[in-house]
Amino acid sequence: MDETLTRIIRLPNPKYKRSGPKSYVYLLNKYKFSPTKPGPYVLGGKVQQKGKFGISRLIGGKAHVQRVLQKKSATDARPGDVPAEDQQNDSLYLCPVTIGTPGQTFNLDFDTGSADLWLFSTGLPRKTSTTGHNVFDPAKSSTFKKTPGATWKISYGDGSNASGDVGTDNVNVGNLIIENQSIELAKQLSDQFTSGVGDGLLGLAFGSINTVRPQPVATPVENMIEQADIPKSAELFTAYLGSYKDKNDPDHGISFYTFGYIDDAARAGQEIHWAPIDSSRGFWQFKSATASVGGKKMTRSGNTAIADTGTTLALVDDTLCQAIYDAIPGAKYDDQQQGYVFPSNTSVDNLPVVSFAVGGKEFAVQKEDLAFADTGNGTMTYGGIQSRGDLPFDILGDTWLKGIYAIFDQGNKRFGCVVRSDPTQDPSVQ
C-alpha cells in the first residue's frame, strides 16, 4: 500500500441534535418522494408565477405548479411552507478537507448520495450568516482558477436551494492531492444550509448527477482515478462508520474513510462479499431482493437499494417497515412524528435481528441502531428504519452502514462489504 494513503477520520459533530422527524424531512427534501404514511408533511402543489422578466417582476409570463414539500397545520386545512427549523440541516459526522494554496481547511459531509463538492465562500451576500463556518476565499489561493460561464444549483423538495459559481483548485483529502478539482462556491444559500456547523459537502456518488452547468464536472473520486492518484488495482474508497455507543468496544467506535486502499484492520481477515452496482441513476445501487426480520425471510422481487453515507436513517417499503415494528413489543406508528416509535426501555433481547440483502447475501442492522432518537417525552424512541414512501428503492444510510465495513469499488462498478464487529449493544438514545 502507498504509505501516503491514510485514513480520513470522520469526526462527530458536537452540536448535532438527533431528531427523527427532522431527519425524515431532510430525506423527503433530498430525494423528493411523497410520503405514503400519515403525518404533517406532504408533497403538494404550489403555484409560481414566472414573468417575462424573472420571478421578481411578474409581468406577463405563465403560472406553473411546482411540486414542493409542505406542512399541514393543526389550525389551517391548507398546507404551508416547511419552516427551516423543522429540518435536520446539520451533519452528524464531518471530515476535514484542505483546499487551495496555501491550504484552507473545511469540515465537509462525505455523501455517497450526492455528486457535488460545494463550499461556503466569500461570494455569499453579507446578510448570509456564516458564523461558525469556514469560508473559502479564492483570492487567498494561488492555485484557484475560475471556470468561466459555469454555475451550479442544488434544489430541494421544499424549494430551498444552494447555488453559485465554479472554479478549480487543489484538494487535499487525507494527504492525497487532487489537482485542478472543480469546486462549487456558494453565492446563495437558503437558511436551511446556514444553521448547521458543516462547511459544505463532498459528493461520492457518480458524476452523472453533478449539478454544474452547462456541463457536469468530474467528482473527486473520478479525478483521483483519472490522475492516477490512487492505484489502478484499487480505484475505490471505503467507509467504516462507528458510533458514540461503541466507545468501549475494541475499535472504540472510530469512524473513517479510505481512498485507494482497503483497511486490513477494518476488514479483519474476512472475505469481502461483492455485488454489482447499477449507476444509471448516479447512485451506489444494488439488488436487494430479500430481507429478514427476527429470522423470518421476506422475498422482495425486483427490489433494489442504495448505500447513502449522507443519510442517518434507513428507508424501506411499507410492508417491510410494518413487519419490523410488529416484531418490537409496544411499537406503533405515530402520526405526529410521521414515523414508527417504540418504548425507550425496550431491551436488546426484545429487538429483532433485521437484515437486508446485498446481492445474494444479507447483512444485519446492529440492534442498537434500530433506536435513533428520543421523541421528546423520554418514554418513546424514534426508530432508525422508516417508510420510503413512493420511492422505488430502499435508502440504506448510517442505520445499516454502521453494521458493515463498506467498500465502494468505482473502478469495477461493484459494492462490497464485510461485517463490522460490535460485541456490545446499547439501544439507549442520547
Protein backbone atom coordinates (compact mmCIF):
# COMPACT_ATOMS: atom_id res chain seq x y z
CA MET A 1 0.00 0.00 0.00
CA ASP A 2 1.18 3.54 -0.79
CA GLU A 3 2.35 4.98 2.53
CA THR A 4 0.90 8.40 1.62
CA LEU A 5 -2.62 6.95 1.66
CA THR A 6 -4.20 7.16 5.08
CA ARG A 7 -7.47 7.12 6.96
CA ILE A 8 -9.62 10.26 6.87
CA ILE A 9 -11.17 10.39 10.30
CA ARG A 10 -14.89 11.10 10.42
CA LEU A 11 -15.38 13.48 13.33
CA PRO A 12 -18.60 13.61 15.35
CA ASN A 13 -20.37 16.96 15.28
CA PRO A 14 -20.65 18.03 18.95
CA LYS A 15 -23.58 20.35 18.18
CA TYR A 16 -25.66 17.77 16.35
CA LYS A 17 -29.05 17.15 17.97
CA ARG A 18 -30.85 13.98 16.97
CA SER A 19 -34.44 14.34 15.80
CA GLY A 20 -36.37 11.64 13.98
CA PRO A 21 -38.88 13.90 12.22
CA LYS A 22 -36.19 16.42 11.20
CA SER A 23 -34.05 13.66 9.70
CA TYR A 24 -37.07 12.30 7.84
CA VAL A 25 -37.94 15.74 6.47
CA TYR A 26 -34.33 16.06 5.29
CA LEU A 27 -34.77 12.85 3.27
CA LEU A 28 -38.12 13.98 1.89
CA ASN A 29 -36.28 17.05 0.62
CA LYS A 30 -33.21 15.24 -0.66
CA TYR A 31 -35.00 12.51 -2.59
CA LYS A 32 -38.26 14.39 -3.26
CA PHE A 33 -40.52 11.42 -2.61
CA SER A 34 -44.12 11.50 -1.47
CA PRO A 35 -44.96 10.01 1.95
CA THR A 36 -47.37 7.08 1.98
CA LYS A 37 -47.90 7.18 5.75
CA PRO A 38 -49.91 9.88 7.55
CA GLY A 39 -48.25 12.88 9.14
CA PRO A 40 -47.83 16.64 8.92
CA TYR A 41 -45.55 16.62 5.86
CA VAL A 42 -46.95 16.17 2.35
CA LEU A 43 -45.84 16.71 -1.22
CA GLY A 44 -48.20 19.34 -2.62
CA GLY A 45 -48.58 21.76 -5.47
CA LYS A 46 -47.50 25.38 -5.24
CA VAL A 47 -48.36 27.88 -7.94
CA GLN A 48 -45.44 30.00 -9.07
CA GLN A 49 -45.93 32.96 -11.40
CA LYS A 50 -42.92 33.50 -13.61
CA GLY A 51 -42.93 36.77 -15.51
CA LYS A 52 -41.13 37.56 -18.73
CA PHE A 53 -38.51 39.45 -16.77
CA GLY A 54 -37.98 36.96 -13.96
CA ILE A 55 -39.77 35.86 -10.84
CA SER A 56 -39.31 39.20 -9.06
CA ARG A 57 -41.06 41.14 -11.88
CA LEU A 58 -44.34 39.39 -12.60
CA ILE A 59 -45.14 40.96 -15.95
CA GLY A 60 -46.80 38.57 -18.34
CA GLY A 61 -45.37 35.08 -18.50
CA LYS A 62 -47.12 31.94 -17.27
CA ALA A 63 -48.08 30.34 -13.99
CA HIS A 64 -46.96 26.78 -13.32
CA VAL A 65 -47.44 24.35 -10.46
CA GLN A 66 -44.31 23.18 -8.71
CA ARG A 67 -44.32 20.03 -6.56
CA VAL A 68 -42.92 21.05 -3.17
CA LEU A 69 -42.75 19.64 0.33
CA GLN A 70 -45.34 21.28 2.58
CA LYS A 71 -46.51 21.06 6.18
CA LYS A 72 -50.11 20.67 7.28
CA SER A 73 -51.22 22.98 10.06
CA ALA A 74 -53.32 21.89 13.03
CA THR A 75 -55.43 25.05 12.62
CA ASP A 76 -55.46 25.56 8.85
CA ALA A 77 -56.62 22.97 6.34
CA ARG A 78 -54.26 24.36 3.72
CA PRO A 79 -50.66 23.12 3.90
CA GLY A 80 -47.93 25.77 4.01
CA ASP A 81 -44.17 26.09 3.76
CA VAL A 82 -41.91 23.85 5.84
CA PRO A 83 -40.04 26.02 8.39
CA ALA A 84 -36.24 25.78 8.36
CA GLU A 85 -36.28 24.65 12.00
CA ASP A 86 -38.34 21.58 11.05
CA GLN A 87 -35.44 20.14 9.07
CA GLN A 88 -32.20 18.41 10.03
CA ASN A 89 -29.78 20.67 8.22
CA ASP A 90 -26.71 19.58 10.13
CA SER A 91 -24.46 16.55 9.65
CA LEU A 92 -23.85 14.02 12.40
CA TYR A 93 -20.27 13.46 11.18
CA LEU A 94 -17.86 15.66 9.22
CA CYS A 95 -14.47 15.10 7.58
CA PRO A 96 -11.62 17.63 7.31
CA VAL A 97 -10.56 18.55 3.76
CA THR A 98 -7.93 21.13 2.76
CA ILE A 99 -8.39 23.21 -0.40
CA GLY A 100 -6.14 25.75 -2.13
CA THR A 101 -2.56 27.04 -1.81
CA PRO A 102 -1.89 27.69 0.99
CA GLY A 103 -4.49 25.27 2.27
CA GLN A 104 -7.79 26.35 3.76
CA THR A 105 -9.44 23.61 5.84
CA PHE A 106 -13.15 22.75 5.76
CA ASN A 107 -15.33 20.24 7.58
CA LEU A 108 -17.39 18.51 4.91
CA ASP A 109 -20.15 15.93 4.78
CA PHE A 110 -18.94 12.94 2.70
CA ASP A 111 -22.09 11.87 0.87
CA THR A 112 -22.47 8.87 -1.46
CA GLY A 113 -25.95 10.15 -2.33
CA SER A 114 -24.68 13.37 -3.98
CA ALA A 115 -22.07 14.30 -6.60
CA ASP A 116 -21.24 17.95 -5.87
CA LEU A 117 -18.30 19.40 -3.95
CA TRP A 118 -19.57 22.74 -2.68
CA LEU A 119 -18.34 25.18 -0.03
CA PHE A 120 -19.29 28.32 1.82
CA SER A 121 -17.45 31.13 0.03
CA THR A 122 -16.67 34.82 0.32
CA GLY A 123 -19.09 35.36 -2.57
CA LEU A 124 -22.07 34.97 -0.23
CA PRO A 125 -24.10 38.13 0.50
CA ARG A 126 -23.26 39.91 3.74
CA LYS A 127 -26.72 39.17 5.06
CA THR A 128 -26.00 35.43 4.94
CA SER A 129 -24.87 34.17 8.34
CA THR A 130 -21.52 32.39 8.16
CA THR A 131 -20.88 32.40 11.91
CA GLY A 132 -19.19 29.16 12.95
CA HIS A 133 -18.34 28.21 9.36
CA ASN A 134 -15.05 28.08 7.49
CA VAL A 135 -15.45 30.20 4.35
CA PHE A 136 -13.36 29.64 1.22
CA ASP A 137 -11.64 32.75 -0.10
CA PRO A 138 -10.46 32.15 -3.68
CA ALA A 139 -8.38 35.34 -3.59
CA LYS A 140 -6.13 33.73 -0.96
CA SER A 141 -5.32 30.66 -3.09
CA SER A 142 -2.60 30.95 -5.74
CA THR A 143 -3.84 27.78 -7.46
CA PHE A 144 -7.52 28.76 -7.79
CA LYS A 145 -8.88 29.32 -11.30
CA LYS A 146 -12.41 30.48 -12.03
CA THR A 147 -14.34 28.43 -14.60
CA PRO A 148 -15.95 30.95 -16.99
CA GLY A 149 -19.67 30.50 -17.54
CA ALA A 150 -20.04 27.57 -15.15
CA THR A 151 -22.71 27.64 -12.44
CA TRP A 152 -24.29 25.13 -10.07
CA LYS A 153 -27.54 24.81 -8.17
CA ILE A 154 -28.85 22.20 -5.76
CA SER A 155 -32.62 22.35 -5.25
CA TYR A 156 -34.54 20.52 -2.55
CA GLY A 157 -38.12 19.36 -2.29
CA ASP A 158 -39.26 22.29 -0.14
CA GLY A 159 -37.99 24.85 -2.65
CA SER A 160 -34.79 25.67 -0.74
CA ASN A 161 -31.57 25.76 -2.74
CA ALA A 162 -27.86 26.50 -2.85
CA SER A 163 -26.12 27.92 -5.90
CA GLY A 164 -23.09 29.80 -7.12
CA ASP A 165 -20.01 29.85 -9.33
CA VAL A 166 -17.42 27.20 -10.15
CA GLY A 167 -13.64 27.13 -10.15
CA THR A 168 -10.79 24.64 -9.89
CA ASP A 169 -8.18 24.20 -7.19
CA ASN A 170 -6.06 21.59 -5.47
CA VAL A 171 -7.97 19.46 -2.97
CA ASN A 172 -6.17 17.54 -0.22
CA VAL A 173 -8.12 14.54 1.10
CA GLY A 174 -6.08 12.62 3.66
CA ASN A 175 -2.70 13.59 2.11
CA LEU A 176 -3.99 12.66 -1.35
CA ILE A 177 -3.85 15.78 -3.52
CA ILE A 178 -6.32 16.09 -6.40
CA GLU A 179 -5.11 18.75 -8.82
CA ASN A 180 -7.50 21.10 -10.61
CA GLN A 181 -10.55 19.65 -8.93
CA SER A 182 -13.75 21.54 -9.68
CA ILE A 183 -15.17 23.18 -6.56
CA GLU A 184 -18.55 24.84 -6.34
CA LEU A 185 -18.55 28.13 -4.44
CA ALA A 186 -21.80 29.16 -2.79
CA LYS A 187 -23.05 32.63 -3.64
CA GLN A 188 -26.58 31.97 -2.42
CA LEU A 189 -27.75 29.69 0.42
CA SER A 190 -31.21 29.21 1.88
CA ASP A 191 -31.41 29.47 5.66
CA GLN A 192 -31.57 25.67 5.88
CA PHE A 193 -27.89 25.45 4.91
CA THR A 194 -26.50 28.02 7.34
CA SER A 195 -27.96 26.66 10.58
CA GLY A 196 -25.53 23.72 10.92
CA VAL A 197 -21.78 23.68 11.54
CA GLY A 198 -20.66 21.92 8.35
CA ASP A 199 -18.88 23.98 5.70
CA GLY A 200 -20.26 22.16 2.65
CA LEU A 201 -20.43 18.75 1.05
CA LEU A 202 -18.15 16.34 -0.81
CA GLY A 203 -20.18 14.10 -3.10
CA LEU A 204 -19.14 10.49 -3.62
CA ALA A 205 -21.92 9.44 -5.99
CA PHE A 206 -21.40 9.29 -9.76
CA GLY A 207 -20.76 12.43 -11.79
CA SER A 208 -23.87 11.98 -13.94
CA ILE A 209 -25.90 13.67 -11.18
CA ASN A 210 -23.48 16.56 -10.65
CA THR A 211 -25.40 19.85 -10.94
CA VAL A 212 -22.77 22.06 -12.65
CA ARG A 213 -23.97 23.58 -15.91
CA PRO A 214 -23.54 23.80 -18.86
CA GLN A 215 -21.51 20.61 -18.35
CA PRO A 216 -21.32 18.39 -15.24
CA VAL A 217 -17.84 18.19 -13.75
CA ALA A 218 -15.83 15.20 -12.57
CA THR A 219 -16.18 14.20 -8.94
CA PRO A 220 -13.14 13.93 -6.64
CA VAL A 221 -13.05 10.13 -6.98
CA GLU A 222 -13.34 10.31 -10.76
CA ASN A 223 -10.37 12.70 -10.80
CA MET A 224 -8.40 10.50 -8.39
CA ILE A 225 -8.78 7.72 -10.96
CA GLU A 226 -8.07 9.93 -13.98
CA GLN A 227 -4.94 11.43 -12.39
CA ALA A 228 -3.75 8.03 -11.06
CA ASP A 229 -3.75 9.43 -7.53
CA ILE A 230 -4.90 6.01 -6.37
CA PRO A 231 -3.63 2.63 -7.64
CA LYS A 232 -5.18 1.09 -10.74
CA SER A 233 -5.73 -2.04 -8.65
CA ALA A 234 -7.73 -0.10 -6.04
CA GLU A 235 -9.89 2.52 -7.74
CA LEU A 236 -12.15 2.60 -4.72
CA PHE A 237 -12.97 4.21 -1.41
CA THR A 238 -14.24 2.68 1.82
CA ALA A 239 -16.39 3.75 4.76
CA TYR A 240 -16.09 2.44 8.32
CA LEU A 241 -18.83 4.14 10.30
CA GLY A 242 -18.66 3.81 14.07
CA SER A 243 -20.86 5.17 16.83
CA TYR A 244 -20.54 7.01 20.12
CA LYS A 245 -22.25 3.97 21.64
CA ASP A 246 -19.21 1.82 20.77
CA LYS A 247 -16.56 3.70 22.77
CA ASN A 248 -15.95 0.65 24.95
CA ASP A 249 -15.65 -1.77 22.02
CA PRO A 250 -12.24 -2.80 20.62
CA ASP A 251 -12.43 -0.18 17.82
CA HIS A 252 -13.64 2.49 20.30
CA GLY A 253 -16.37 3.48 17.83
CA ILE A 254 -13.94 5.11 15.40
CA SER A 255 -15.24 6.30 12.03
CA PHE A 256 -13.14 6.82 8.91
CA TYR A 257 -12.92 6.77 5.12
CA THR A 258 -10.06 5.50 2.98
CA PHE A 259 -9.29 6.22 -0.67
CA GLY A 260 -7.23 3.88 -2.82
CA TYR A 261 -6.96 1.01 -0.35
CA ILE A 262 -8.94 -1.38 1.84
CA ASP A 263 -8.06 -1.13 5.52
CA ASP A 264 -6.83 -4.53 6.74
CA ALA A 265 -7.78 -3.88 10.36
CA ALA A 266 -11.35 -2.99 9.38
CA ARG A 267 -11.61 -6.00 7.06
CA ALA A 268 -10.44 -8.21 9.94
CA GLY A 269 -9.46 -11.13 7.69
CA GLN A 270 -12.98 -11.61 6.30
CA GLU A 271 -13.73 -12.42 2.69
CA ILE A 272 -15.39 -9.45 1.01
CA HIS A 273 -18.86 -10.04 -0.38
CA TRP A 274 -19.33 -8.20 -3.67
CA ALA A 275 -22.44 -7.18 -5.58
CA PRO A 276 -22.53 -5.40 -8.97
CA ILE A 277 -23.96 -1.89 -8.90
CA ASP A 278 -26.24 -0.07 -11.30
CA SER A 279 -25.07 3.56 -11.53
CA SER A 280 -27.65 4.65 -14.11
CA ARG A 281 -29.37 6.86 -11.51
CA GLY A 282 -25.99 8.15 -10.31
CA PHE A 283 -26.17 6.19 -7.04
CA TRP A 284 -24.46 3.17 -5.49
CA GLN A 285 -27.45 0.96 -6.24
CA PHE A 286 -27.54 -2.83 -5.95
CA LYS A 287 -30.07 -5.65 -5.95
CA SER A 288 -31.67 -6.30 -2.56
CA ALA A 289 -34.34 -8.91 -3.20
CA THR A 290 -34.68 -10.33 0.33
CA ALA A 291 -34.81 -9.12 3.92
CA SER A 292 -35.20 -10.88 7.24
CA VAL A 293 -36.93 -9.85 10.46
CA GLY A 294 -36.35 -11.99 13.52
CA GLY A 295 -35.25 -14.92 11.38
CA LYS A 296 -38.23 -14.73 9.00
CA LYS A 297 -37.14 -14.12 5.41
CA MET A 298 -39.21 -11.89 3.16
CA THR A 299 -38.93 -12.06 -0.63
CA ARG A 300 -38.84 -8.66 -2.33
CA SER A 301 -38.80 -9.46 -6.03
CA GLY A 302 -37.03 -6.83 -8.13
CA ASN A 303 -36.16 -4.65 -5.13
CA THR A 304 -33.01 -2.55 -5.12
CA ALA A 305 -31.25 -0.38 -2.53
CA ILE A 306 -28.72 2.43 -2.48
CA ALA A 307 -25.94 2.89 0.09
CA ASP A 308 -26.01 6.52 1.26
CA THR A 309 -23.41 7.78 3.75
CA GLY A 310 -25.13 11.18 3.79
CA THR A 311 -28.26 9.74 5.38
CA THR A 312 -28.72 8.87 9.06
CA LEU A 313 -31.81 6.65 8.69
CA ALA A 314 -32.69 3.62 6.58
CA LEU A 315 -35.86 3.78 4.46
CA VAL A 316 -37.67 0.67 3.18
CA ASP A 317 -41.08 -0.21 1.75
CA ASP A 318 -44.16 -0.05 3.97
CA THR A 319 -44.73 -3.82 4.14
CA LEU A 320 -41.22 -4.48 5.44
CA CYS A 321 -41.36 -1.47 7.73
CA GLN A 322 -44.58 -2.73 9.32
CA ALA A 323 -43.09 -6.21 9.79
CA ILE A 324 -40.07 -4.76 11.61
CA TYR A 325 -42.14 -2.82 14.14
CA ASP A 326 -44.67 -5.64 14.55
CA ALA A 327 -41.71 -7.60 15.95
CA ILE A 328 -40.97 -4.97 18.64
CA PRO A 329 -43.28 -5.06 21.71
CA GLY A 330 -45.16 -1.79 22.16
CA ALA A 331 -44.06 -0.29 18.83
CA LYS A 332 -46.56 1.85 16.92
CA TYR A 333 -46.83 4.38 14.12
CA ASP A 334 -47.03 7.97 15.42
CA ASP A 335 -48.76 10.40 13.05
CA GLN A 336 -47.26 13.46 14.74
CA GLN A 337 -43.73 12.07 14.46
CA GLN A 338 -44.50 10.78 10.94
CA GLY A 339 -42.66 7.62 11.86
CA TYR A 340 -42.56 4.40 13.83
CA VAL A 341 -41.67 4.61 17.53
CA PHE A 342 -41.16 2.03 20.27
CA PRO A 343 -40.76 2.09 24.08
CA SER A 344 -37.42 3.52 25.18
CA ASN A 345 -36.99 0.83 27.84
CA THR A 346 -37.02 -1.96 25.23
CA SER A 347 -34.18 -4.38 25.96
CA VAL A 348 -31.76 -5.69 23.34
CA ASP A 349 -33.30 -9.16 23.73
CA ASN A 350 -36.68 -7.77 22.65
CA LEU A 351 -35.33 -6.22 19.46
CA PRO A 352 -35.36 -8.37 16.30
CA VAL A 353 -32.40 -9.02 14.04
CA VAL A 354 -33.16 -7.09 10.85
CA SER A 355 -31.09 -7.70 7.74
CA PHE A 356 -31.10 -6.55 4.12
CA ALA A 357 -29.64 -8.30 1.09
CA VAL A 358 -26.64 -7.04 -0.83
CA GLY A 359 -26.93 -9.13 -3.95
CA GLY A 360 -27.20 -12.69 -2.69
CA LYS A 361 -26.20 -12.20 0.97
CA GLU A 362 -27.93 -10.42 3.84
CA PHE A 363 -26.21 -8.06 6.29
CA ALA A 364 -27.83 -7.09 9.57
CA VAL A 365 -28.55 -3.80 11.24
CA GLN A 366 -26.94 -3.68 14.66
CA LYS A 367 -29.73 -3.87 17.22
CA GLU A 368 -28.60 -0.67 18.93
CA ASP A 369 -29.12 1.23 15.67
CA LEU A 370 -32.79 0.31 15.48
CA ALA A 371 -33.11 3.15 18.03
CA PHE A 372 -32.40 6.58 16.54
CA ALA A 373 -33.68 9.40 18.75
CA ASP A 374 -35.86 10.25 21.72
CA THR A 375 -39.28 11.52 20.65
CA GLY A 376 -39.17 14.28 23.24
CA ASN A 377 -41.01 12.68 26.14
CA GLY A 378 -38.34 10.25 27.37
CA THR A 379 -40.62 7.22 27.05
CA MET A 380 -40.65 6.53 23.30
CA THR A 381 -37.84 6.21 20.75
CA TYR A 382 -37.98 7.11 17.06
CA GLY A 383 -36.89 4.10 15.02
CA GLY A 384 -33.85 4.10 12.77
CA ILE A 385 -35.79 2.41 9.93
CA GLN A 386 -38.74 4.25 8.38
CA SER A 387 -41.01 4.31 5.31
CA ARG A 388 -39.53 5.16 1.90
CA GLY A 389 -42.93 6.43 0.72
CA ASP A 390 -43.35 6.13 -3.05
CA LEU A 391 -39.62 5.78 -3.74
CA PRO A 392 -38.95 2.71 -5.91
CA PHE A 393 -35.79 1.72 -3.98
CA ASP A 394 -34.53 1.47 -0.40
CA ILE A 395 -32.15 4.03 1.07
CA LEU A 396 -29.66 2.35 3.40
CA GLY A 397 -27.99 5.07 5.45
CA ASP A 398 -25.97 5.07 8.66
CA THR A 399 -28.54 2.91 10.50
CA TRP A 400 -27.47 -0.01 8.31
CA LEU A 401 -23.97 1.08 7.26
CA LYS A 402 -22.73 1.05 10.87
CA GLY A 403 -23.13 -2.74 10.81
CA ILE A 404 -20.64 -3.24 7.98
CA TYR A 405 -17.32 -2.11 6.54
CA ALA A 406 -18.39 -0.76 3.14
CA ILE A 407 -16.20 -0.80 0.00
CA PHE A 408 -17.25 1.38 -2.93
CA ASP A 409 -15.28 -0.03 -5.88
CA GLN A 410 -15.74 2.56 -8.61
CA GLY A 411 -13.23 1.00 -10.99
CA ASN A 412 -15.06 -2.33 -11.06
CA LYS A 413 -18.61 -0.98 -10.59
CA ARG A 414 -19.31 -3.07 -7.52
CA PHE A 415 -20.20 -2.63 -3.85
CA GLY A 416 -18.53 -4.78 -1.22
CA CYS A 417 -18.94 -5.34 2.49
CA VAL A 418 -17.91 -7.37 5.49
CA VAL A 419 -19.49 -7.49 8.91
CA ARG A 420 -18.27 -4.85 11.36
CA SER A 421 -17.62 -6.36 14.79
CA ASP A 422 -19.61 -4.73 17.61
CA PRO A 423 -19.67 -7.02 20.66
CA THR A 424 -21.76 -4.74 22.89
CA GLN A 425 -25.19 -3.36 22.03
CA ASP A 426 -26.69 -0.25 23.66
CA PRO A 427 -30.22 0.60 22.43
CA SER A 428 -30.46 3.78 24.53
CA VAL A 429 -30.51 7.17 22.80
CA GLN A 430 -28.96 10.48 23.83
